[in-house]
Amino acid sequence: MKTIYILDYDTDIAYALCAWFRANGLAAKHFSKLEQLFLQLQSQQPDYIILDCLFGRISLISEICHSLQHVFHYKGKIFLTSTSFISAQELKVCNATAFIPKPFDFSKMLQVVHEIAGASLVG
């Protein structure tokens, strides 16, 4: 089973996404604090991470992504989310696989993850 971690400062959104992904065939865990995610990455790395671009301010995204890639040696897929548009440069800085705009279209989100996974998911 594929695993997805969700980092979003809004715990309601993170909880809803987590529950929705679980209902659609993914193991999912959500975090509202960056430190929680980093602690979890020390023992287990997911297949995917959904990262809210406005987590703490947009200026921190490159630092967060740098830590994911160079400190934790994360090799999975990163999906960026935000209520505002993200540029191609910002996607490149994070080596992100895709941008998923808020508010979420859950069907499209699952389709993006499904296409990236190359595996059959329920939904």
Protein backbone atom coordinates (compact mmCIF):
# COMPACT_ATOMS: atom_id res chain seq x y z
CA MET A 1 0.00 0.00 0.00
CA LYS A 2 1.33 3.44 -0.94
CA THR A 3 1.87 5.93 1.88
CA ILE A 4 1.21 9.65 1.85
CA TYR A 5 2.13 12.28 4.45
CA ILE A 6 0.26 15.57 4.55
CA LEU A 7 1.76 18.73 6.05
CA ASP A 8 -0.80 21.49 6.43
CA TYR A 9 -1.09 24.07 9.20
CA ASP A 10 -4.88 23.78 8.99
CA THR A 11 -5.57 20.62 10.99
CA ASP A 12 -9.12 20.32 9.66
CA ILE A 13 -7.89 20.22 6.05
CA ALA A 14 -5.09 17.81 6.92
CA TYR A 15 -7.48 15.51 8.79
CA ALA A 16 -10.02 15.52 5.96
CA LEU A 17 -7.36 14.78 3.34
CA CYS A 18 -5.93 12.00 5.45
CA ALA A 19 -9.32 10.36 5.94
CA TRP A 20 -10.15 10.74 2.25
CA PHE A 21 -6.89 9.17 1.08
CA ARG A 22 -7.35 6.27 3.51
CA ALA A 23 -10.84 5.69 2.11
CA ASN A 24 -9.26 5.58 -1.36
CA GLY A 25 -6.58 2.99 -0.75
CA LEU A 26 -3.58 4.91 0.62
CA ALA A 27 -2.01 4.77 4.03
CA ALA A 28 -2.07 8.40 5.16
CA LYS A 29 -0.77 10.44 8.06
CA HIS A 30 -1.15 14.17 8.65
CA PHE A 31 1.05 16.69 10.43
CA SER A 32 0.35 20.25 11.51
CA LYS A 33 3.92 20.98 12.57
CA LEU A 34 7.06 20.71 10.48
CA GLU A 35 8.96 19.20 13.40
CA GLN A 36 6.42 16.34 13.56
CA LEU A 37 6.99 15.52 9.90
CA PHE A 38 10.78 15.66 10.25
CA LEU A 39 10.67 13.39 13.31
CA GLN A 40 8.54 10.85 11.42
CA LEU A 41 10.88 10.96 8.41
CA GLN A 42 13.71 9.75 10.63
CA SER A 43 12.01 6.37 10.93
CA GLN A 44 9.77 6.06 7.87
CA GLN A 45 9.62 7.71 4.45
CA PRO A 46 6.35 7.85 2.55
CA ASP A 47 5.84 7.44 -1.18
CA TYR A 48 4.32 10.93 -1.33
CA ILE A 49 4.28 14.18 0.64
CA ILE A 50 1.63 16.85 0.21
CA LEU A 51 3.14 20.14 1.35
CA ASP A 52 1.11 23.29 1.86
CA CYS A 53 3.13 26.10 0.27
CA LEU A 54 1.85 28.64 2.73
CA PHE A 55 3.09 26.57 5.64
CA GLY A 56 4.75 29.26 7.67
CA ARG A 57 5.15 31.61 4.64
CA ILE A 58 6.12 30.94 1.07
CA SER A 59 9.73 31.93 1.74
CA LEU A 60 10.23 28.79 3.84
CA ILE A 61 9.23 26.36 1.10
CA SER A 62 12.68 26.16 -0.45
CA GLU A 63 14.22 25.56 2.99
CA ILE A 64 11.69 22.84 3.80
CA CYS A 65 12.27 21.15 0.45
CA HIS A 66 16.04 21.43 0.85
CA SER A 67 15.77 19.67 4.21
CA LEU A 68 13.54 16.95 2.77
CA GLN A 69 15.97 16.23 -0.05
CA HIS A 70 19.37 16.82 1.53
CA VAL A 71 18.93 16.14 5.24
CA PHE A 72 16.37 13.34 5.07
CA HIS A 73 17.34 12.13 1.58
CA TYR A 74 13.68 11.92 0.62
CA LYS A 75 13.29 10.28 -2.80
CA GLY A 76 9.50 10.11 -3.02
CA LYS A 77 7.15 12.50 -4.77
CA ILE A 78 6.30 15.95 -3.43
CA PHE A 79 2.99 17.63 -4.23
CA LEU A 80 2.69 21.33 -3.43
CA THR A 81 -0.67 22.87 -2.52
CA SER A 82 -1.76 26.45 -2.04
CA THR A 83 -4.66 28.83 -2.43
CA SER A 84 -2.43 30.96 -4.65
CA PHE A 85 -0.68 30.14 -7.91
CA ILE A 86 2.74 28.53 -7.69
CA SER A 87 5.27 29.26 -10.41
CA ALA A 88 7.20 26.67 -12.36
CA GLN A 89 10.36 27.95 -10.63
CA GLU A 90 8.88 27.20 -7.21
CA LEU A 91 7.98 23.70 -8.36
CA LYS A 92 11.53 23.24 -9.62
CA VAL A 93 13.11 24.45 -6.37
CA CYS A 94 11.22 21.73 -4.51
CA ASN A 95 11.65 19.16 -7.24
CA ALA A 96 7.88 18.87 -6.91
CA THR A 97 5.94 16.46 -9.02
CA ALA A 98 2.77 18.53 -9.22
CA PHE A 99 0.85 21.49 -7.89
CA ILE A 100 -2.65 20.88 -6.55
CA PRO A 101 -4.63 24.13 -6.00
CA LYS A 102 -6.89 24.81 -3.02
CA PRO A 103 -9.79 24.49 -2.63
CA PHE A 104 -9.25 20.84 -3.43
CA ASP A 105 -11.08 18.93 -6.10
CA PHE A 106 -10.70 15.54 -4.45
CA SER A 107 -11.34 13.58 -7.64
CA LYS A 108 -8.65 15.49 -9.52
CA MET A 109 -6.24 15.12 -6.61
CA LEU A 110 -6.70 11.35 -6.57
CA GLN A 111 -6.27 11.31 -10.35
CA VAL A 112 -2.95 13.17 -10.09
CA VAL A 113 -1.67 10.81 -7.39
CA HIS A 114 -2.93 7.83 -9.39
CA GLU A 115 -1.16 8.99 -12.56
CA ILE A 116 2.08 9.60 -10.70
CA ALA A 117 1.85 6.29 -8.83
CA GLY A 118 1.25 4.29 -11.96
CA ALA A 119 -0.71 1.91 -9.75
CA SER A 120 -4.38 1.18 -9.45
CA LEU A 121 -6.09 3.01 -6.61
CA VAL A 122 -9.70 2.76 -5.56
CA GLY A 123 -11.78 5.80 -6.47
